[in-house]
Amino acid sequence: QVQLVESGGGLVQPGGSLRLSCAASGVTFSRYTMRWYRQAPGQERELVAAITSAGGSTSYADSVKGRFTISRDNAKNTAYLQMNSLHPEDTAMYYCNALWLRQYWGQGTQVTVSS
């Protein structure tokens, strides 16, 4: 049974930081491209960041470049999203996604940026 479990969300003030984690089980984690998406109320789900299976390549949405960093630890079957200099517009539900021959989704973790 495949599971992706996100954690690390919460309430943070503008300018603050959070680190999201995505723990995978039931898959050969090192084969999967890992991606973080987010979805704010009333908006479409947006791709935020992606990292290739071995971690050799990353990509980011323009809105988060220079502030967010995606990484992974294949020994721990875990992907991360380090989010710095958070803005109120970063408020959303953040989802982990694993993609290889098919894709899997986590249940999401809420990030709220507010003073």
C-alpha atoms as a PDB file:
ATOM      1  CA  GLN A   1       0.000   0.000   0.000  1.00  0.00           C
ATOM      2  CA  VAL A   2       1.444   3.307  -1.125  1.00  0.00           C
ATOM      3  CA  GLN A   3       1.402   6.183   1.330  1.00  0.00           C
ATOM      4  CA  LEU A   4       2.745   9.713   1.155  1.00  0.00           C
ATOM      5  CA  VAL A   5       2.464  11.546   4.449  1.00  0.00           C
ATOM      6  CA  GLU A   6       3.156  15.270   4.609  1.00  0.00           C
ATOM      7  CA  SER A   7       4.044  17.101   7.796  1.00  0.00           C
ATOM      8  CA  GLY A   8       5.503  20.395   8.930  1.00  0.00           C
ATOM      9  CA  GLY A   9       2.757  22.805   7.993  1.00  0.00           C
ATOM     10  CA  GLY A  10       1.376  25.408  10.335  1.00  0.00           C
ATOM     11  CA  LEU A  11       0.856  29.071  11.022  1.00  0.00           C
ATOM     12  CA  VAL A  12       3.813  31.378  10.458  1.00  0.00           C
ATOM     13  CA  GLN A  13       4.273  35.130  10.271  1.00  0.00           C
ATOM     14  CA  PRO A  14       5.262  36.831   7.020  1.00  0.00           C
ATOM     15  CA  GLY A  15       8.997  36.516   6.519  1.00  0.00           C
ATOM     16  CA  GLY A  16       9.131  33.305   8.493  1.00  0.00           C
ATOM     17  CA  SER A  17      10.171  29.803   7.498  1.00  0.00           C
ATOM     18  CA  LEU A  18       8.750  26.315   7.479  1.00  0.00           C
ATOM     19  CA  ARG A  19      10.110  22.961   6.431  1.00  0.00           C
ATOM     20  CA  LEU A  20       7.682  20.464   4.976  1.00  0.00           C
ATOM     21  CA  SER A  21       8.405  16.761   4.892  1.00  0.00           C
ATOM     22  CA  CYS A  22       6.893  13.998   2.768  1.00  0.00           C
ATOM     23  CA  ALA A  23       7.500  10.470   4.022  1.00  0.00           C
ATOM     24  CA  ALA A  24       6.875   7.736   1.463  1.00  0.00           C
ATOM     25  CA  SER A  25       6.145   4.066   2.009  1.00  0.00           C
ATOM     26  CA  GLY A  26       5.094   1.209  -0.249  1.00  0.00           C
ATOM     27  CA  VAL A  27       7.140   2.506  -3.195  1.00  0.00           C
ATOM     28  CA  THR A  28      10.732   2.264  -4.397  1.00  0.00           C
ATOM     29  CA  PHE A  29      11.261   5.887  -3.482  1.00  0.00           C
ATOM     30  CA  SER A  30      14.507   6.340  -5.397  1.00  0.00           C
ATOM     31  CA  ARG A  31      12.723   5.727  -8.722  1.00  0.00           C
ATOM     32  CA  TYR A  32      10.263   8.562  -8.290  1.00  0.00           C
ATOM     33  CA  THR A  33      10.409  12.186  -9.241  1.00  0.00           C
ATOM     34  CA  MET A  34       9.051  14.045  -6.231  1.00  0.00           C
ATOM     35  CA  ARG A  35       6.976  17.195  -6.555  1.00  0.00           C
ATOM     36  CA  TRP A  36       5.306  19.667  -4.242  1.00  0.00           C
ATOM     37  CA  TYR A  37       2.043  21.279  -5.264  1.00  0.00           C
ATOM     38  CA  ARG A  38      -0.131  23.782  -3.481  1.00  0.00           C
ATOM     39  CA  GLN A  39      -3.745  24.809  -3.711  1.00  0.00           C
ATOM     40  CA  ALA A  40      -5.294  27.901  -2.227  1.00  0.00           C
ATOM     41  CA  PRO A  41      -9.072  28.174  -1.735  1.00  0.00           C
ATOM     42  CA  GLY A  42     -10.825  28.848  -5.025  1.00  0.00           C
ATOM     43  CA  GLN A  43      -7.662  28.362  -7.046  1.00  0.00           C
ATOM     44  CA  GLU A  44      -6.226  25.560  -9.163  1.00  0.00           C
ATOM     45  CA  ARG A  45      -3.541  23.281  -7.852  1.00  0.00           C
ATOM     46  CA  GLU A  46      -0.131  24.745  -8.694  1.00  0.00           C
ATOM     47  CA  LEU A  47       3.200  22.970  -9.156  1.00  0.00           C
ATOM     48  CA  VAL A  48       5.659  24.556  -6.731  1.00  0.00           C
ATOM     49  CA  ALA A  49       8.837  22.502  -7.000  1.00  0.00           C
ATOM     50  CA  ALA A  50      10.164  19.217  -8.364  1.00  0.00           C
ATOM     51  CA  ILE A  51      13.247  17.074  -7.884  1.00  0.00           C
ATOM     52  CA  THR A  52      14.429  14.172 -10.010  1.00  0.00           C
ATOM     53  CA  SER A  53      14.799  10.660  -8.663  1.00  0.00           C
ATOM     54  CA  ALA A  54      18.490  10.937  -7.762  1.00  0.00           C
ATOM     55  CA  GLY A  55      18.175  14.554  -6.748  1.00  0.00           C
ATOM     56  CA  GLY A  56      20.380  15.807  -9.532  1.00  0.00           C
ATOM     57  CA  SER A  57      17.931  18.320 -10.915  1.00  0.00           C
ATOM     58  CA  THR A  58      15.387  20.641  -9.370  1.00  0.00           C
ATOM     59  CA  SER A  59      12.874  23.111 -10.739  1.00  0.00           C
ATOM     60  CA  TYR A  60      10.674  25.786  -9.201  1.00  0.00           C
ATOM     61  CA  ALA A  61       7.691  27.938  -9.949  1.00  0.00           C
ATOM     62  CA  ASP A  62       8.730  31.534 -10.607  1.00  0.00           C
ATOM     63  CA  SER A  63       6.753  32.657  -7.568  1.00  0.00           C
ATOM     64  CA  VAL A  64       8.974  30.693  -5.160  1.00  0.00           C
ATOM     65  CA  LYS A  65      12.399  30.796  -6.838  1.00  0.00           C
ATOM     66  CA  GLY A  66      15.075  31.927  -4.444  1.00  0.00           C
ATOM     67  CA  ARG A  67      12.837  31.338  -1.410  1.00  0.00           C
ATOM     68  CA  PHE A  68      11.958  27.635  -1.514  1.00  0.00           C
ATOM     69  CA  THR A  69      14.317  24.671  -1.752  1.00  0.00           C
ATOM     70  CA  ILE A  70      13.275  21.121  -2.561  1.00  0.00           C
ATOM     71  CA  SER A  71      15.465  18.224  -1.478  1.00  0.00           C
ATOM     72  CA  ARG A  72      15.268  14.518  -0.793  1.00  0.00           C
ATOM     73  CA  ASP A  73      16.912  11.806   1.232  1.00  0.00           C
ATOM     74  CA  ASN A  74      16.490   8.508  -0.584  1.00  0.00           C
ATOM     75  CA  ALA A  75      17.880   6.594   2.397  1.00  0.00           C
ATOM     76  CA  LYS A  76      14.988   7.930   4.480  1.00  0.00           C
ATOM     77  CA  ASN A  77      12.346   7.773   1.723  1.00  0.00           C
ATOM     78  CA  THR A  78      11.591  11.411   2.425  1.00  0.00           C
ATOM     79  CA  ALA A  79      11.302  14.588   0.392  1.00  0.00           C
ATOM     80  CA  TYR A  80      11.469  18.071   1.840  1.00  0.00           C
ATOM     81  CA  LEU A  81      10.428  21.593   0.984  1.00  0.00           C
ATOM     82  CA  GLN A  82      12.288  24.324   2.839  1.00  0.00           C
ATOM     83  CA  MET A  83      10.267  27.530   2.625  1.00  0.00           C
ATOM     84  CA  ASN A  84      11.891  30.825   3.600  1.00  0.00           C
ATOM     85  CA  SER A  85      10.747  34.435   3.407  1.00  0.00           C
ATOM     86  CA  LEU A  86       7.135  33.325   3.386  1.00  0.00           C
ATOM     87  CA  HIS A  87       4.498  35.659   2.043  1.00  0.00           C
ATOM     88  CA  PRO A  88       0.769  35.717   2.813  1.00  0.00           C
ATOM     89  CA  GLU A  89       0.158  34.577  -0.767  1.00  0.00           C
ATOM     90  CA  ASP A  90       2.029  31.342   0.040  1.00  0.00           C
ATOM     91  CA  THR A  91      -0.956  30.350   2.174  1.00  0.00           C
ATOM     92  CA  ALA A  92      -2.334  27.097   0.770  1.00  0.00           C
ATOM     93  CA  MET A  93      -2.675  23.385   1.270  1.00  0.00           C
ATOM     94  CA  TYR A  94       0.618  21.809   0.227  1.00  0.00           C
ATOM     95  CA  TYR A  95       0.611  18.374  -1.364  1.00  0.00           C
ATOM     96  CA  CYS A  96       3.391  15.902  -1.998  1.00  0.00           C
ATOM     97  CA  ASN A  97       3.351  13.989  -5.306  1.00  0.00           C
ATOM     98  CA  ALA A  98       5.406  10.995  -6.425  1.00  0.00           C
ATOM     99  CA  LEU A  99       5.708  10.342 -10.140  1.00  0.00           C
ATOM    100  CA  TRP A 100       7.217   7.408 -12.011  1.00  0.00           C
ATOM    101  CA  LEU A 101       5.049   5.031 -14.029  1.00  0.00           C
ATOM    102  CA  ARG A 102       2.048   6.472 -12.202  1.00  0.00           C
ATOM    103  CA  GLN A 103       1.591   9.131  -9.635  1.00  0.00           C
ATOM    104  CA  TYR A 104       0.591   9.193  -6.009  1.00  0.00           C
ATOM    105  CA  TRP A 105      -0.605  12.017  -3.770  1.00  0.00           C
ATOM    106  CA  GLY A 106      -0.389  12.751  -0.093  1.00  0.00           C
ATOM    107  CA  GLN A 107      -3.257  14.112   1.951  1.00  0.00           C
ATOM    108  CA  GLY A 108      -1.771  17.599   2.248  1.00  0.00           C
ATOM    109  CA  THR A 109      -0.533  19.871   4.996  1.00  0.00           C
ATOM    110  CA  GLN A 110      -1.865  23.379   5.576  1.00  0.00           C
ATOM    111  CA  VAL A 111       0.464  26.356   5.481  1.00  0.00           C
ATOM    112  CA  THR A 112      -0.915  29.676   6.681  1.00  0.00           C
ATOM    113  CA  VAL A 113       1.172  32.844   6.494  1.00  0.00           C
ATOM    114  CA  SER A 114      -0.404  35.604   8.518  1.00  0.00           C
ATOM    115  CA  SER A 115       0.440  38.190  11.118  1.00  0.00           C
END
